[in-house]
Every structure is written in C-alpha cells, then in structure tokens.
N, C-alpha and C. Protein backbone atom coordinates (compact mmCIF):
# COMPACT_ATOMS: atom_id res chain seq x y z
N UNK A 1 3.66 7.20 11.27
CA UNK A 1 3.61 6.43 10.29
C UNK A 1 4.34 5.32 10.54
N UNK A 2 3.63 3.93 10.36
CA UNK A 2 4.94 3.00 10.44
C UNK A 2 5.75 2.83 9.73
N UNK A 3 6.34 2.15 9.37
CA UNK A 3 7.45 1.49 8.52
C UNK A 3 7.19 0.45 7.38
N UNK A 4 6.19 -0.51 8.15
CA UNK A 4 5.40 -1.47 7.16
C UNK A 4 4.03 -0.71 6.48
N UNK A 5 3.38 0.46 6.85
CA UNK A 5 3.06 1.21 6.12
C UNK A 5 2.97 2.31 4.72
N UNK A 6 4.28 2.71 5.84
CA UNK A 6 5.18 3.52 4.04
C UNK A 6 5.40 2.34 2.55
N UNK A 7 5.93 1.68 3.30
CA UNK A 7 6.53 0.44 2.79
C UNK A 7 4.97 0.06 1.75
N UNK A 8 4.24 -0.29 2.77
CA UNK A 8 2.70 -0.48 1.56
C UNK A 8 2.09 0.29 1.05
N UNK A 9 2.45 1.62 1.04
CA UNK A 9 1.78 2.56 0.65
C UNK A 9 2.78 2.79 -0.87
N UNK A 10 3.70 2.75 -0.98
CA UNK A 10 4.97 3.04 -1.72
C UNK A 10 4.19 1.50 -3.06
N UNK A 11 4.40 0.36 -2.38
CA UNK A 11 4.38 -0.57 -3.24
C UNK A 11 2.42 -0.25 -3.68
N UNK A 12 2.19 -0.19 -3.35
CA UNK A 12 0.75 0.16 -3.89
C UNK A 12 0.42 1.50 -4.97
N UNK A 13 1.47 2.38 -5.43
CA UNK A 13 1.75 3.34 -5.75
C UNK A 13 2.63 2.09 -7.10
N UNK A 14 3.17 2.06 -6.62
CA UNK A 14 4.18 1.10 -8.15
C UNK A 14 2.93 0.34 -8.33
N UNK A 15 2.17 -0.58 -8.09
CA UNK A 15 0.93 -1.30 -8.66
C UNK A 15 0.07 -0.87 -9.31
N UNK A 16 -0.32 0.19 -8.74
CA UNK A 16 -1.28 1.05 -9.36
C UNK A 16 -0.83 1.41 -10.21
N UNK A 17 0.03 2.21 -11.02
CA UNK A 17 1.10 2.60 -12.60
C UNK A 17 0.95 1.45 -13.37
N UNK A 18 1.57 0.52 -12.52
CA UNK A 18 1.45 -0.21 -13.56
C UNK A 18 0.50 -1.37 -14.09
N UNK A 19 -0.46 -0.68 -12.99
CA UNK A 19 -2.34 -1.58 -13.69
C UNK A 19 -2.51 -0.31 -15.00
N UNK A 20 -2.09 0.56 -14.62
CA UNK A 20 -2.78 1.64 -15.53
C UNK A 20 -2.31 2.73 -16.30
N UNK A 21 -0.83 1.72 -16.25
CA UNK A 21 0.31 2.87 -17.10
C UNK A 21 0.71 1.72 -18.32
N UNK A 22 1.34 2.02 -19.18
CA UNK A 22 2.27 1.66 -19.97
C UNK A 22 3.45 1.28 -19.31
N UNK A 23 4.21 -0.06 -19.63
CA UNK A 23 5.53 -0.46 -19.57
C UNK A 23 6.61 0.89 -19.31
N UNK A 24 6.86 1.26 -20.13
CA UNK A 24 7.75 2.48 -20.20
C UNK A 24 7.73 3.09 -18.70
N UNK A 25 6.47 4.14 -19.15
CA UNK A 25 5.67 4.85 -17.73
C UNK A 25 6.13 4.31 -16.43
N UNK A 26 5.85 2.82 -16.90
CA UNK A 26 5.91 2.09 -15.27
C UNK A 26 6.97 2.29 -15.02
N UNK A 27 8.10 1.82 -15.92
CA UNK A 27 9.76 1.36 -15.36
C UNK A 27 10.36 2.72 -14.74
N UNK A 28 9.68 3.71 -15.75
CA UNK A 28 10.41 5.51 -15.04
C UNK A 28 9.79 5.74 -13.86
N UNK A 29 8.65 5.44 -13.46
CA UNK A 29 8.25 5.53 -12.06
C UNK A 29 8.66 4.87 -11.22
N UNK A 30 8.91 3.77 -11.19
CA UNK A 30 9.15 2.53 -10.16
C UNK A 30 11.20 2.99 -10.33
N UNK A 31 11.70 3.65 -11.14
CA UNK A 31 12.69 4.06 -11.22
C UNK A 31 12.78 5.22 -10.03
N UNK A 32 12.07 6.02 -10.60
CA UNK A 32 11.89 7.65 -9.64
C UNK A 32 11.01 7.06 -7.78
N UNK A 33 10.56 6.16 -8.34
CA UNK A 33 10.33 5.60 -6.44
C UNK A 33 11.25 5.10 -5.64
N UNK A 34 12.43 4.73 -6.37
CA UNK A 34 13.49 3.92 -5.90
C UNK A 34 14.61 4.93 -5.30
N UNK A 35 14.78 6.01 -6.74
CA UNK A 35 15.81 6.93 -6.20
C UNK A 35 15.13 8.09 -5.04
N UNK A 36 13.54 8.08 -5.11
CA UNK A 36 13.52 8.81 -3.91
C UNK A 36 13.50 7.85 -2.45
N UNK A 37 13.24 6.81 -2.47
CA UNK A 37 13.82 6.01 -1.07
C UNK A 37 15.08 6.24 -1.05
N UNK A 38 15.86 5.78 -1.98
CA UNK A 38 17.36 4.83 -1.79
C UNK A 38 18.06 7.41 -1.54
N UNK A 39 17.50 8.24 -2.01
CA UNK A 39 18.17 9.35 -1.38
C UNK A 39 17.34 9.81 -0.13
N UNK A 40 17.11 9.12 0.60
CA UNK A 40 16.63 8.88 2.52
C UNK A 40 17.35 7.48 2.93
N UNK A 41 18.54 7.19 2.92
CA UNK A 41 19.40 6.36 3.58
C UNK A 41 19.24 5.89 5.07
N UNK A 42 18.44 6.86 6.06
CA UNK A 42 19.05 7.28 7.29
C UNK A 42 17.49 6.95 8.02
N UNK A 43 16.49 6.95 7.07
CA UNK A 43 15.05 6.78 7.40
C UNK A 43 14.74 5.50 7.47
N UNK A 44 14.29 4.86 8.22
CA UNK A 44 13.58 3.33 8.64
C UNK A 44 12.49 3.10 6.89
N UNK A 45 11.84 4.28 7.16
CA UNK A 45 10.74 3.98 6.45
C UNK A 45 10.82 3.40 5.45
N UNK A 46 11.94 4.82 5.01
CA UNK A 46 12.20 4.67 3.46
C UNK A 46 13.26 3.69 3.24
N UNK A 47 13.90 3.12 3.61
CA UNK A 47 14.53 1.90 3.64
C UNK A 47 14.18 1.02 3.30
N UNK A 48 12.80 0.29 4.54
CA UNK A 48 11.76 -0.92 3.86
C UNK A 48 11.05 -0.15 2.59
N UNK A 49 11.43 0.43 2.64
CA UNK A 49 10.27 0.75 0.77
C UNK A 49 11.30 1.00 0.24
N UNK A 50 11.85 0.99 0.09
CA UNK A 50 13.59 0.62 -0.91
C UNK A 50 13.45 -1.03 -1.60
N UNK A 51 13.34 -1.45 0.03
CA UNK A 51 13.45 -3.13 -0.25
C UNK A 51 11.95 -3.45 -1.11
N UNK A 52 11.16 -3.17 -0.49
CA UNK A 52 9.61 -3.66 -0.95
C UNK A 52 9.77 -3.42 -2.53
N UNK A 53 9.76 -2.02 -3.06
CA UNK A 53 9.69 -1.89 -4.43
C UNK A 53 11.10 -2.28 -5.28
N UNK A 54 12.41 -2.49 -4.53
CA UNK A 54 13.13 -3.23 -5.11
C UNK A 54 12.92 -5.09 -5.87
N UNK A 55 12.28 -5.31 -4.51
CA UNK A 55 11.99 -6.92 -4.55
C UNK A 55 10.69 -7.02 -4.62
N UNK A 56 9.78 -7.50 -5.02
CA UNK A 56 8.48 -7.68 -5.48
C UNK A 56 8.51 -8.95 -4.37
N UNK A 57 9.12 -9.92 -4.19
CA UNK A 57 8.96 -10.83 -3.39
C UNK A 57 8.73 -10.34 -2.03
N UNK A 58 8.92 -9.08 -2.16
CA UNK A 58 8.95 -8.76 -0.40
C UNK A 58 7.43 -7.67 -0.45
N UNK A 59 6.61 -7.82 -1.36
CA UNK A 59 5.07 -7.70 -1.29
C UNK A 59 4.73 -8.46 -0.25
N UNK A 60 4.43 -9.50 -0.52
CA UNK A 60 4.06 -10.41 0.48
C UNK A 60 3.28 -10.49 1.80
N UNK A 61 4.64 -10.28 2.67
CA UNK A 61 4.77 -10.09 4.07
C UNK A 61 3.70 -8.77 4.74
N UNK A 62 4.01 -7.65 3.68
CA UNK A 62 3.41 -6.63 3.56
C UNK A 62 1.66 -6.25 4.65
N UNK A 63 1.56 -5.11 5.17
CA UNK A 63 0.35 -5.39 5.74
C UNK A 63 -0.86 -6.08 4.63
N UNK A 64 -2.07 -6.79 4.91
CA UNK A 64 -3.10 -7.11 4.46
C UNK A 64 -3.60 -7.88 4.90
N UNK A 65 -5.06 -7.78 4.63
CA UNK A 65 -6.10 -8.83 4.73
C UNK A 65 -5.70 -9.89 5.31
N UNK A 66 -6.23 -10.52 6.81
CA UNK A 66 -6.09 -11.83 7.17
C UNK A 66 -7.50 -12.74 7.06
N UNK A 67 -7.25 -13.72 6.78
CA UNK A 67 -8.98 -14.38 7.46
C UNK A 67 -8.35 -15.66 8.63
N UNK A 68 -9.32 -15.75 9.45
CA UNK A 68 -9.25 -16.03 10.10
C UNK A 68 -10.53 -18.28 9.38
N UNK A 69 -10.69 -18.47 10.45
CA UNK A 69 -10.59 -20.07 10.84
C UNK A 69 -12.70 -20.09 10.70
N UNK A 70 -13.46 -20.48 9.99
CA UNK A 70 -15.09 -20.41 10.15
C UNK A 70 -15.31 -19.43 9.31
N UNK A 71 -16.31 -18.56 9.97
CA UNK A 71 -16.83 -17.58 9.44
C UNK A 71 -16.38 -16.28 9.40
N UNK A 72 -15.58 -16.11 10.57
CA UNK A 72 -15.14 -14.70 10.72
C UNK A 72 -14.21 -14.33 9.81
N UNK A 73 -14.25 -13.13 9.58
CA UNK A 73 -12.88 -12.30 8.94
C UNK A 73 -12.25 -11.24 9.79
N UNK A 74 -11.23 -11.43 9.53
CA UNK A 74 -10.17 -10.07 10.32
C UNK A 74 -9.97 -9.48 8.90
N UNK A 75 -9.24 -8.04 9.40
CA UNK A 75 -8.84 -7.73 7.89
C UNK A 75 -8.18 -6.23 8.70
N UNK A 76 -7.48 -5.76 7.31
CA UNK A 76 -7.24 -3.79 7.67
C UNK A 76 -7.95 -3.52 6.50
N UNK A 77 -8.02 -2.29 7.02
CA UNK A 77 -8.43 -0.88 5.51
C UNK A 77 -7.88 0.22 6.14
N UNK A 78 -7.06 0.42 5.11
CA UNK A 78 -6.03 1.60 5.10
C UNK A 78 -6.73 2.67 4.44
N UNK A 79 -7.04 3.96 4.50
CA UNK A 79 -7.34 5.03 4.31
C UNK A 79 -6.74 5.95 4.72
N UNK A 80 -5.41 6.52 3.09
CA UNK A 80 -5.23 7.92 3.81
C UNK A 80 -6.00 9.15 4.02
N UNK A 81 -5.93 9.58 4.57
CA UNK A 81 -7.17 10.65 4.50
C UNK A 81 -6.91 11.44 4.87
N UNK A 82 -7.42 12.76 4.50
CA UNK A 82 -7.26 14.58 5.62
C UNK A 82 -8.56 15.25 5.37
N UNK A 83 -9.17 14.82 6.69
CA UNK A 83 -10.16 16.17 6.64
C UNK A 83 -11.35 15.45 5.17
N UNK A 84 -11.39 14.38 5.09
CA UNK A 84 -12.34 13.80 4.65
C UNK A 84 -13.31 12.94 4.87
N UNK A 85 -13.52 13.17 6.13
CA UNK A 85 -15.63 12.13 6.59
C UNK A 85 -16.50 11.91 5.88
N UNK A 86 -16.93 12.98 4.92
CA UNK A 86 -17.74 12.77 4.54
C UNK A 86 -17.73 11.58 3.17
N UNK A 87 -16.24 11.50 2.41
CA UNK A 87 -16.27 10.52 1.67
C UNK A 87 -15.38 9.19 2.72
N UNK A 88 -14.85 9.38 3.23
CA UNK A 88 -14.69 8.00 3.94
C UNK A 88 -16.25 7.57 4.19
N UNK A 89 -16.94 8.34 5.00
CA UNK A 89 -18.23 7.64 5.26
C UNK A 89 -18.68 6.73 4.12
N UNK A 90 -19.30 7.45 2.95
CA UNK A 90 -19.39 6.58 1.66
C UNK A 90 -18.81 5.58 1.14
N UNK A 91 -17.76 5.75 1.11
CA UNK A 91 -16.45 4.57 0.76
C UNK A 91 -16.74 3.48 1.45
N UNK A 92 -16.96 3.23 2.67
CA UNK A 92 -16.63 2.61 3.61
C UNK A 92 -18.31 1.41 4.31
N UNK A 93 -19.46 2.80 3.38
CA UNK A 93 -20.76 2.37 3.57
C UNK A 93 -21.03 1.04 3.47
N UNK A 94 -20.51 0.55 2.47
CA UNK A 94 -20.75 -1.06 2.07
C UNK A 94 -20.76 -1.63 2.87
N UNK A 95 -20.19 -1.54 3.74
CA UNK A 95 -19.60 -2.58 4.88
C UNK A 95 -20.57 -2.96 5.84
N UNK A 96 -21.66 -2.16 6.34
CA UNK A 96 -22.76 -2.45 6.91
C UNK A 96 -23.53 -3.47 5.96
N UNK A 97 -23.26 -3.61 4.63
CA UNK A 97 -24.12 -4.42 4.22
C UNK A 97 -23.74 -5.80 4.18
N UNK A 98 -22.82 -6.19 4.98
CA UNK A 98 -22.07 -7.41 4.50
C UNK A 98 -22.55 -8.29 5.28
N UNK A 99 -22.68 -9.71 5.15
CA UNK A 99 -23.25 -10.53 6.29
C UNK A 99 -22.88 -11.11 7.11
N UNK A 100 -22.74 -10.38 8.25
CA UNK A 100 -21.95 -11.63 9.37
C UNK A 100 -21.95 -12.72 10.01
C-alpha cells in the first residue's frame, strides 16, 4: 500500500470521528492515532500518516479527486475492501447514471 494512501486513510478516519462524535472523543481518538503512528518510526507510511494527522494543513495535498477543464472529470475512488464484490458493485452502480 502506498504511503499516500495510508496517510489518506488515517486522515479520513480522524475526519469521520470528528464529524460523528463529540470533541472529547475526537481528541482522544486523534491522540491514539498519533501515538500509534509515532510507535512505528521506521515505517515510512506511518511517518507520513503521523505528519498528516499532526498537521491539518497537510491534508490538502493528499490523494483526492481532480477536475480537468471542460466537461471531463478525472478523479480517484478509493474503496478499501476485502471480498466485497457484491457490495462494491452496488456502491458504484450510480456511476453508470452520470451524464458524461
């Protein structure tokens, strides 16, 4: 797994918890994520994840959808899944309905 993807997944977990839980729970969760990443200093992916969580300004350059000029849209969809073919198909079925 790429270092950028690990950092994105860690940042997204922090975002999710901050959105759906209170400030105390979110702060404890973020501290636990930072401690976990800090406990693996030799792993480059965890170092990048630590930088991403410790500095919110570092979230902007993480992997994200990009838009091209005109009507074309380029982007990325990242779905961490294991043996989820049926669920992934249903999840992405709406893509066929987009007007290209």
